[in-house]
């Protein structure tokens, strides 16, 4: 079972040396990947600590997540109760 993180926990990881993003409910540690991201480091850092699902889908196909899933996915976000 993968580790689960609250949205509050993910929000803490929004810095150059500690950057997580949420995509489709998955939590991804993109700290090291940001340096080699084809679109540039700044784009990922702007999204740090946030749900980036909509923006991700605008620029990437579904195969991108499949390619990097094992390397970058660290868990899932806990669904918040309404």
PDB file of N, CA and C in Angstrom:
ATOM      1  N   UNK A   1       0.842  -1.190   0.000  1.00  0.00           N
ATOM      2  CA  UNK A   1       0.000   0.000   0.000  1.00  0.00           C
ATOM      3  C   UNK A   1       0.882   1.246   0.000  1.00  0.00           C
ATOM      4  N   UNK A   2       0.513   2.208  -0.804  1.00  0.00           N
ATOM      5  CA  UNK A   2       1.318   3.426  -0.868  1.00  0.00           C
ATOM      6  C   UNK A   2       0.993   4.350   0.306  1.00  0.00           C
ATOM      7  N   UNK A   3       1.919   5.203   0.600  1.00  0.00           N
ATOM      8  CA  UNK A   3       1.758   6.155   1.700  1.00  0.00           C
ATOM      9  C   UNK A   3       0.711   7.190   1.312  1.00  0.00           C
ATOM     10  N   UNK A   4      -0.053   7.640   2.311  1.00  0.00           N
ATOM     11  CA  UNK A   4      -1.067   8.649   2.069  1.00  0.00           C
ATOM     12  C   UNK A   4      -0.671   9.942   2.774  1.00  0.00           C
ATOM     13  N   UNK A   5      -0.931  11.063   2.095  1.00  0.00           N
ATOM     14  CA  UNK A   5      -0.585  12.377   2.618  1.00  0.00           C
ATOM     15  C   UNK A   5      -1.815  13.271   2.607  1.00  0.00           C
ATOM     16  N   UNK A   6      -1.924  14.109   3.605  1.00  0.00           N
ATOM     17  CA  UNK A   6      -3.003  15.095   3.610  1.00  0.00           C
ATOM     18  C   UNK A   6      -2.617  16.244   2.688  1.00  0.00           C
ATOM     19  N   UNK A   7      -3.603  17.007   2.262  1.00  0.00           N
ATOM     20  CA  UNK A   7      -3.337  18.178   1.436  1.00  0.00           C
ATOM     21  C   UNK A   7      -2.471  19.175   2.207  1.00  0.00           C
ATOM     22  N   UNK A   8      -2.701  19.287   3.500  1.00  0.00           N
ATOM     23  CA  UNK A   8      -1.900  20.188   4.337  1.00  0.00           C
ATOM     24  C   UNK A   8      -0.431  19.782   4.342  1.00  0.00           C
ATOM     25  N   UNK A   9      -0.167  18.486   4.367  1.00  0.00           N
ATOM     26  CA  UNK A   9       1.220  18.005   4.337  1.00  0.00           C
ATOM     27  C   UNK A   9       1.873  18.321   2.997  1.00  0.00           C
ATOM     28  N   UNK A  10       1.156  18.082   1.917  1.00  0.00           N
ATOM     29  CA  UNK A  10       1.702  18.344   0.581  1.00  0.00           C
ATOM     30  C   UNK A  10       2.003  19.837   0.421  1.00  0.00           C
ATOM     31  N   UNK A  11       1.142  20.693   0.945  1.00  0.00           N
ATOM     32  CA  UNK A  11       1.320  22.148   0.825  1.00  0.00           C
ATOM     33  C   UNK A  11       2.642  22.629   1.424  1.00  0.00           C
ATOM     34  N   UNK A  12       3.188  21.910   2.379  1.00  0.00           N
ATOM     35  CA  UNK A  12       4.457  22.287   3.019  1.00  0.00           C
ATOM     36  C   UNK A  12       5.654  22.114   2.079  1.00  0.00           C
ATOM     37  N   UNK A  13       5.492  21.315   1.056  1.00  0.00           N
ATOM     38  CA  UNK A  13       6.597  20.958   0.163  1.00  0.00           C
ATOM     39  C   UNK A  13       6.530  21.808  -1.111  1.00  0.00           C
ATOM     40  N   UNK A  14       6.883  23.065  -0.961  1.00  0.00           N
ATOM     41  CA  UNK A  14       6.737  24.028  -2.060  1.00  0.00           C
ATOM     42  C   UNK A  14       7.987  24.883  -2.261  1.00  0.00           C
ATOM     43  N   UNK A  15       9.138  24.283  -1.981  1.00  0.00           N
ATOM     44  CA  UNK A  15      10.397  25.026  -2.067  1.00  0.00           C
ATOM     45  C   UNK A  15      11.341  24.395  -3.083  1.00  0.00           C
ATOM     46  N   UNK A  16      12.358  25.154  -3.422  1.00  0.00           N
ATOM     47  CA  UNK A  16      13.353  24.727  -4.394  1.00  0.00           C
ATOM     48  C   UNK A  16      14.012  23.389  -4.017  1.00  0.00           C
ATOM     49  N   UNK A  17      14.255  23.191  -2.726  1.00  0.00           N
ATOM     50  CA  UNK A  17      14.934  21.970  -2.275  1.00  0.00           C
ATOM     51  C   UNK A  17      13.975  20.928  -1.703  1.00  0.00           C
ATOM     52  N   UNK A  18      12.673  21.129  -1.912  1.00  0.00           N
ATOM     53  CA  UNK A  18      11.653  20.215  -1.382  1.00  0.00           C
ATOM     54  C   UNK A  18      10.334  20.515  -2.082  1.00  0.00           C
ATOM     55  N   UNK A  19      10.077  19.862  -3.197  1.00  0.00           N
ATOM     56  CA  UNK A  19       8.933  20.212  -4.032  1.00  0.00           C
ATOM     57  C   UNK A  19       8.095  18.982  -4.377  1.00  0.00           C
ATOM     58  N   UNK A  20       6.856  18.984  -3.911  1.00  0.00           N
ATOM     59  CA  UNK A  20       5.907  17.922  -4.222  1.00  0.00           C
ATOM     60  C   UNK A  20       4.738  18.530  -4.981  1.00  0.00           C
ATOM     61  N   UNK A  21       4.133  17.744  -5.870  1.00  0.00           N
ATOM     62  CA  UNK A  21       2.917  18.160  -6.547  1.00  0.00           C
ATOM     63  C   UNK A  21       1.922  16.998  -6.535  1.00  0.00           C
ATOM     64  N   UNK A  22       0.669  17.336  -6.739  1.00  0.00           N
ATOM     65  CA  UNK A  22      -0.394  16.333  -6.823  1.00  0.00           C
ATOM     66  C   UNK A  22      -0.865  16.287  -8.272  1.00  0.00           C
ATOM     67  N   UNK A  23      -0.959  15.077  -8.817  1.00  0.00           N
ATOM     68  CA  UNK A  23      -1.521  14.876 -10.152  1.00  0.00           C
ATOM     69  C   UNK A  23      -2.454  13.678 -10.074  1.00  0.00           C
ATOM     70  N   UNK A  24      -3.710  13.918 -10.373  1.00  0.00           N
ATOM     71  CA  UNK A  24      -4.735  12.860 -10.377  1.00  0.00           C
ATOM     72  C   UNK A  24      -4.738  12.062  -9.074  1.00  0.00           C
ATOM     73  N   UNK A  25      -4.594  12.743  -7.958  1.00  0.00           N
ATOM     74  CA  UNK A  25      -4.635  12.087  -6.657  1.00  0.00           C
ATOM     75  C   UNK A  25      -3.329  11.473  -6.204  1.00  0.00           C
ATOM     76  N   UNK A  26      -2.331  11.436  -7.087  1.00  0.00           N
ATOM     77  CA  UNK A  26      -1.010  10.918  -6.728  1.00  0.00           C
ATOM     78  C   UNK A  26      -0.120  12.045  -6.242  1.00  0.00           C
ATOM     79  N   UNK A  27       0.754  11.746  -5.299  1.00  0.00           N
ATOM     80  CA  UNK A  27       1.705  12.731  -4.782  1.00  0.00           C
ATOM     81  C   UNK A  27       3.070  12.408  -5.375  1.00  0.00           C
ATOM     82  N   UNK A  28       3.681  13.404  -5.996  1.00  0.00           N
ATOM     83  CA  UNK A  28       4.948  13.223  -6.696  1.00  0.00           C
ATOM     84  C   UNK A  28       6.011  14.150  -6.115  1.00  0.00           C
ATOM     85  N   UNK A  29       7.153  13.586  -5.781  1.00  0.00           N
ATOM     86  CA  UNK A  29       8.290  14.374  -5.325  1.00  0.00           C
ATOM     87  C   UNK A  29       9.104  14.740  -6.566  1.00  0.00           C
ATOM     88  N   UNK A  30       9.003  15.999  -6.976  1.00  0.00           N
ATOM     89  CA  UNK A  30       9.669  16.450  -8.197  1.00  0.00           C
ATOM     90  C   UNK A  30      10.903  17.306  -7.899  1.00  0.00           C
ATOM     91  N   UNK A  31      11.397  17.232  -6.675  1.00  0.00           N
ATOM     92  CA  UNK A  31      12.532  18.049  -6.259  1.00  0.00           C
ATOM     93  C   UNK A  31      13.729  17.872  -7.190  1.00  0.00           C
ATOM     94  N   UNK A  32      14.181  16.664  -7.377  1.00  0.00           N
ATOM     95  CA  UNK A  32      15.348  16.406  -8.230  1.00  0.00           C
ATOM     96  C   UNK A  32      14.998  16.504  -9.710  1.00  0.00           C
ATOM     97  N   UNK A  33      13.797  16.075 -10.064  1.00  0.00           N
ATOM     98  CA  UNK A  33      13.364  16.098 -11.460  1.00  0.00           C
ATOM     99  C   UNK A  33      13.261  17.519 -12.004  1.00  0.00           C
ATOM    100  N   UNK A  34      12.961  18.486 -11.140  1.00  0.00           N
ATOM    101  CA  UNK A  34      12.787  19.879 -11.586  1.00  0.00           C
ATOM    102  C   UNK A  34      13.999  20.379 -12.363  1.00  0.00           C
ATOM    103  N   UNK A  35      15.175  19.923 -11.984  1.00  0.00           N
ATOM    104  CA  UNK A  35      16.412  20.371 -12.649  1.00  0.00           C
ATOM    105  C   UNK A  35      16.492  19.923 -14.106  1.00  0.00           C
ATOM    106  N   UNK A  36      15.834  18.817 -14.436  1.00  0.00           N
ATOM    107  CA  UNK A  36      15.902  18.293 -15.804  1.00  0.00           C
ATOM    108  C   UNK A  36      14.554  18.365 -16.528  1.00  0.00           C
ATOM    109  N   UNK A  37      13.562  18.971 -15.912  1.00  0.00           N
ATOM    110  CA  UNK A  37      12.239  19.088 -16.522  1.00  0.00           C
ATOM    111  C   UNK A  37      12.346  19.835 -17.852  1.00  0.00           C
ATOM    112  N   UNK A  38      11.864  19.237 -18.947  1.00  0.00           N
ATOM    113  CA  UNK A  38      11.992  19.877 -20.260  1.00  0.00           C
ATOM    114  C   UNK A  38      11.372  21.278 -20.341  1.00  0.00           C
ATOM    115  N   UNK A  39      10.329  21.522 -19.558  1.00  0.00           N
ATOM    116  CA  UNK A  39       9.675  22.834 -19.569  1.00  0.00           C
ATOM    117  C   UNK A  39      10.319  23.835 -18.627  1.00  0.00           C
ATOM    118  N   UNK A  40      11.315  23.403 -17.909  1.00  0.00           N
ATOM    119  CA  UNK A  40      12.012  24.291 -16.983  1.00  0.00           C
ATOM    120  C   UNK A  40      11.639  24.065 -15.532  1.00  0.00           C
ATOM    121  N   UNK A  41      12.546  24.412 -14.673  1.00  0.00           N
ATOM    122  CA  UNK A  41      12.405  24.223 -13.235  1.00  0.00           C
ATOM    123  C   UNK A  41      11.314  25.130 -12.630  1.00  0.00           C
ATOM    124  N   UNK A  42      11.227  26.362 -13.114  1.00  0.00           N
ATOM    125  CA  UNK A  42      10.303  27.342 -12.542  1.00  0.00           C
ATOM    126  C   UNK A  42       8.846  26.894 -12.599  1.00  0.00           C
ATOM    127  N   UNK A  43       8.500  26.207 -13.673  1.00  0.00           N
ATOM    128  CA  UNK A  43       7.114  25.746 -13.830  1.00  0.00           C
ATOM    129  C   UNK A  43       6.739  24.798 -12.701  1.00  0.00           C
ATOM    130  N   UNK A  44       7.600  23.847 -12.404  1.00  0.00           N
ATOM    131  CA  UNK A  44       7.314  22.895 -11.330  1.00  0.00           C
ATOM    132  C   UNK A  44       7.325  23.582  -9.970  1.00  0.00           C
ATOM    133  N   UNK A  45       8.246  24.491  -9.767  1.00  0.00           N
ATOM    134  CA  UNK A  45       8.321  25.175  -8.474  1.00  0.00           C
ATOM    135  C   UNK A  45       7.088  26.037  -8.222  1.00  0.00           C
ATOM    136  N   UNK A  46       6.524  26.619  -9.264  1.00  0.00           N
ATOM    137  CA  UNK A  46       5.287  27.401  -9.119  1.00  0.00           C
ATOM    138  C   UNK A  46       4.121  26.523  -8.676  1.00  0.00           C
ATOM    139  N   UNK A  47       4.173  25.256  -9.057  1.00  0.00           N
ATOM    140  CA  UNK A  47       3.095  24.323  -8.719  1.00  0.00           C
ATOM    141  C   UNK A  47       3.356  23.557  -7.426  1.00  0.00           C
ATOM    142  N   UNK A  48       4.499  23.757  -6.830  1.00  0.00           N
ATOM    143  CA  UNK A  48       4.865  23.035  -5.614  1.00  0.00           C
ATOM    144  C   UNK A  48       3.823  23.160  -4.516  1.00  0.00           C
ATOM    145  N   UNK A  49       3.454  22.022  -3.929  1.00  0.00           N
ATOM    146  CA  UNK A  49       2.480  21.999  -2.842  1.00  0.00           C
ATOM    147  C   UNK A  49       1.032  22.091  -3.293  1.00  0.00           C
ATOM    148  N   UNK A  50       0.795  22.006  -4.583  1.00  0.00           N
ATOM    149  CA  UNK A  50      -0.561  22.187  -5.118  1.00  0.00           C
ATOM    150  C   UNK A  50      -1.014  20.975  -5.933  1.00  0.00           C
ATOM    151  N   UNK A  51      -2.325  20.962  -6.210  1.00  0.00           N
ATOM    152  CA  UNK A  51      -2.873  19.983  -7.144  1.00  0.00           C
ATOM    153  C   UNK A  51      -2.678  20.551  -8.547  1.00  0.00           C
ATOM    154  N   UNK A  52      -1.839  19.913  -9.312  1.00  0.00           N
ATOM    155  CA  UNK A  52      -1.478  20.396 -10.649  1.00  0.00           C
ATOM    156  C   UNK A  52      -2.127  19.585 -11.758  1.00  0.00           C
ATOM    157  N   UNK A  53      -3.157  18.843 -11.435  1.00  0.00           N
ATOM    158  CA  UNK A  53      -3.777  17.932 -12.401  1.00  0.00           C
ATOM    159  C   UNK A  53      -4.220  18.632 -13.683  1.00  0.00           C
ATOM    160  N   UNK A  54      -4.941  19.739 -13.564  1.00  0.00           N
ATOM    161  CA  UNK A  54      -5.463  20.425 -14.753  1.00  0.00           C
ATOM    162  C   UNK A  54      -4.330  20.952 -15.628  1.00  0.00           C
ATOM    163  N   UNK A  55      -3.353  21.595 -15.013  1.00  0.00           N
ATOM    164  CA  UNK A  55      -2.236  22.141 -15.795  1.00  0.00           C
ATOM    165  C   UNK A  55      -1.410  21.022 -16.421  1.00  0.00           C
ATOM    166  N   UNK A  56      -1.236  19.933 -15.682  1.00  0.00           N
ATOM    167  CA  UNK A  56      -0.486  18.798 -16.217  1.00  0.00           C
ATOM    168  C   UNK A  56      -1.149  18.269 -17.488  1.00  0.00           C
ATOM    169  N   UNK A  57      -2.461  18.091 -17.436  1.00  0.00           N
ATOM    170  CA  UNK A  57      -3.202  17.549 -18.581  1.00  0.00           C
ATOM    171  C   UNK A  57      -3.144  18.473 -19.798  1.00  0.00           C
ATOM    172  N   UNK A  58      -2.991  19.779 -19.557  1.00  0.00           N
ATOM    173  CA  UNK A  58      -2.911  20.741 -20.663  1.00  0.00           C
ATOM    174  C   UNK A  58      -1.642  20.534 -21.494  1.00  0.00           C
ATOM    175  N   UNK A  59      -0.570  20.071 -20.864  1.00  0.00           N
ATOM    176  CA  UNK A  59       0.722  20.011 -21.531  1.00  0.00           C
ATOM    177  C   UNK A  59       1.302  18.605 -21.717  1.00  0.00           C
ATOM    178  N   UNK A  60       0.688  17.590 -21.089  1.00  0.00           N
ATOM    179  CA  UNK A  60       1.257  16.246 -21.126  1.00  0.00           C
ATOM    180  C   UNK A  60       0.199  15.203 -21.484  1.00  0.00           C
ATOM    181  N   UNK A  61       0.634  14.180 -22.172  1.00  0.00           N
ATOM    182  CA  UNK A  61      -0.226  13.041 -22.452  1.00  0.00           C
ATOM    183  C   UNK A  61      -0.167  12.040 -21.307  1.00  0.00           C
ATOM    184  N   UNK A  62      -1.042  11.039 -21.312  1.00  0.00           N
ATOM    185  CA  UNK A  62      -1.091  10.058 -20.224  1.00  0.00           C
ATOM    186  C   UNK A  62       0.176   9.208 -20.099  1.00  0.00           C
ATOM    187  N   UNK A  63       0.933   9.090 -21.162  1.00  0.00           N
ATOM    188  CA  UNK A  63       2.153   8.273 -21.110  1.00  0.00           C
ATOM    189  C   UNK A  63       3.248   8.888 -20.243  1.00  0.00           C
ATOM    190  N   UNK A  64       3.198  10.192 -20.038  1.00  0.00           N
ATOM    191  CA  UNK A  64       4.221  10.857 -19.224  1.00  0.00           C
ATOM    192  C   UNK A  64       4.172  10.341 -17.785  1.00  0.00           C
ATOM    193  N   UNK A  65       2.969  10.241 -17.229  1.00  0.00           N
ATOM    194  CA  UNK A  65       2.847   9.723 -15.856  1.00  0.00           C
ATOM    195  C   UNK A  65       3.305   8.279 -15.780  1.00  0.00           C
ATOM    196  N   UNK A  66       2.968   7.493 -16.772  1.00  0.00           N
ATOM    197  CA  UNK A  66       3.401   6.094 -16.781  1.00  0.00           C
ATOM    198  C   UNK A  66       4.922   6.004 -16.775  1.00  0.00           C
ATOM    199  N   UNK A  67       5.560   6.877 -17.525  1.00  0.00           N
ATOM    200  CA  UNK A  67       7.017   6.861 -17.650  1.00  0.00           C
ATOM    201  C   UNK A  67       7.716   7.193 -16.330  1.00  0.00           C
ATOM    202  N   UNK A  68       7.188   8.167 -15.600  1.00  0.00           N
ATOM    203  CA  UNK A  68       7.860   8.655 -14.391  1.00  0.00           C
ATOM    204  C   UNK A  68       7.231   8.182 -13.083  1.00  0.00           C
ATOM    205  N   UNK A  69       6.154   7.441 -13.174  1.00  0.00           N
ATOM    206  CA  UNK A  69       5.413   7.026 -11.985  1.00  0.00           C
ATOM    207  C   UNK A  69       6.288   6.336 -10.932  1.00  0.00           C
ATOM    208  N   UNK A  70       7.068   5.352 -11.337  1.00  0.00           N
ATOM    209  CA  UNK A  70       7.887   4.597 -10.378  1.00  0.00           C
ATOM    210  C   UNK A  70       8.979   5.447  -9.744  1.00  0.00           C
ATOM    211  N   UNK A  71       9.514   6.393 -10.502  1.00  0.00           N
ATOM    212  CA  UNK A  71      10.610   7.222 -10.003  1.00  0.00           C
ATOM    213  C   UNK A  71      10.144   8.362  -9.106  1.00  0.00           C
ATOM    214  N   UNK A  72       8.975   8.929  -9.388  1.00  0.00           N
ATOM    215  CA  UNK A  72       8.579  10.163  -8.722  1.00  0.00           C
ATOM    216  C   UNK A  72       7.392  10.043  -7.763  1.00  0.00           C
ATOM    217  N   UNK A  73       6.530   9.067  -7.981  1.00  0.00           N
ATOM    218  CA  UNK A  73       5.337   8.956  -7.129  1.00  0.00           C
ATOM    219  C   UNK A  73       5.711   8.428  -5.759  1.00  0.00           C
ATOM    220  N   UNK A  74       5.327   9.173  -4.727  1.00  0.00           N
ATOM    221  CA  UNK A  74       5.653   8.775  -3.360  1.00  0.00           C
ATOM    222  C   UNK A  74       4.412   8.373  -2.558  1.00  0.00           C
ATOM    223  N   UNK A  75       3.240   8.551  -3.133  1.00  0.00           N
ATOM    224  CA  UNK A  75       2.022   8.169  -2.435  1.00  0.00           C
ATOM    225  C   UNK A  75       0.795   8.780  -3.076  1.00  0.00           C
ATOM    226  N   UNK A  76      -0.274   8.855  -2.286  1.00  0.00           N
ATOM    227  CA  UNK A  76      -1.524   9.437  -2.742  1.00  0.00           C
ATOM    228  C   UNK A  76      -1.983  10.481  -1.730  1.00  0.00           C
ATOM    229  N   UNK A  77      -2.857  11.350  -2.206  1.00  0.00           N
ATOM    230  CA  UNK A  77      -3.410  12.368  -1.311  1.00  0.00           C
ATOM    231  C   UNK A  77      -4.698  11.823  -0.690  1.00  0.00           C
ATOM    232  N   UNK A  78      -4.872  12.097   0.577  1.00  0.00           N
ATOM    233  CA  UNK A  78      -6.080  11.656   1.280  1.00  0.00           C
ATOM    234  C   UNK A  78      -7.223  12.550   0.829  1.00  0.00           C
ATOM    235  N   UNK A  79      -8.323  11.943   0.392  1.00  0.00           N
ATOM    236  CA  UNK A  79      -9.477  12.714  -0.042  1.00  0.00           C
ATOM    237  C   UNK A  79     -10.052  13.472   1.146  1.00  0.00           C
ATOM    238  N   UNK A  80     -10.268  14.759   0.947  1.00  0.00           N
ATOM    239  CA  UNK A  80     -10.831  15.560   2.044  1.00  0.00           C
ATOM    240  C   UNK A  80     -12.336  15.381   2.072  1.00  0.00           C
ATOM    241  N   UNK A  81     -12.885  15.478   3.248  1.00  0.00           N
ATOM    242  CA  UNK A  81     -14.323  15.318   3.423  1.00  0.00           C
ATOM    243  C   UNK A  81     -14.997  16.675   3.291  1.00  0.00           C
ATOM    244  N   UNK A  82     -16.103  16.682   2.564  1.00  0.00           N
ATOM    245  CA  UNK A  82     -16.841  17.934   2.362  1.00  0.00           C
ATOM    246  C   UNK A  82     -17.857  18.141   3.453  1.00  0.00           C
TER     247      UNK A  82
END
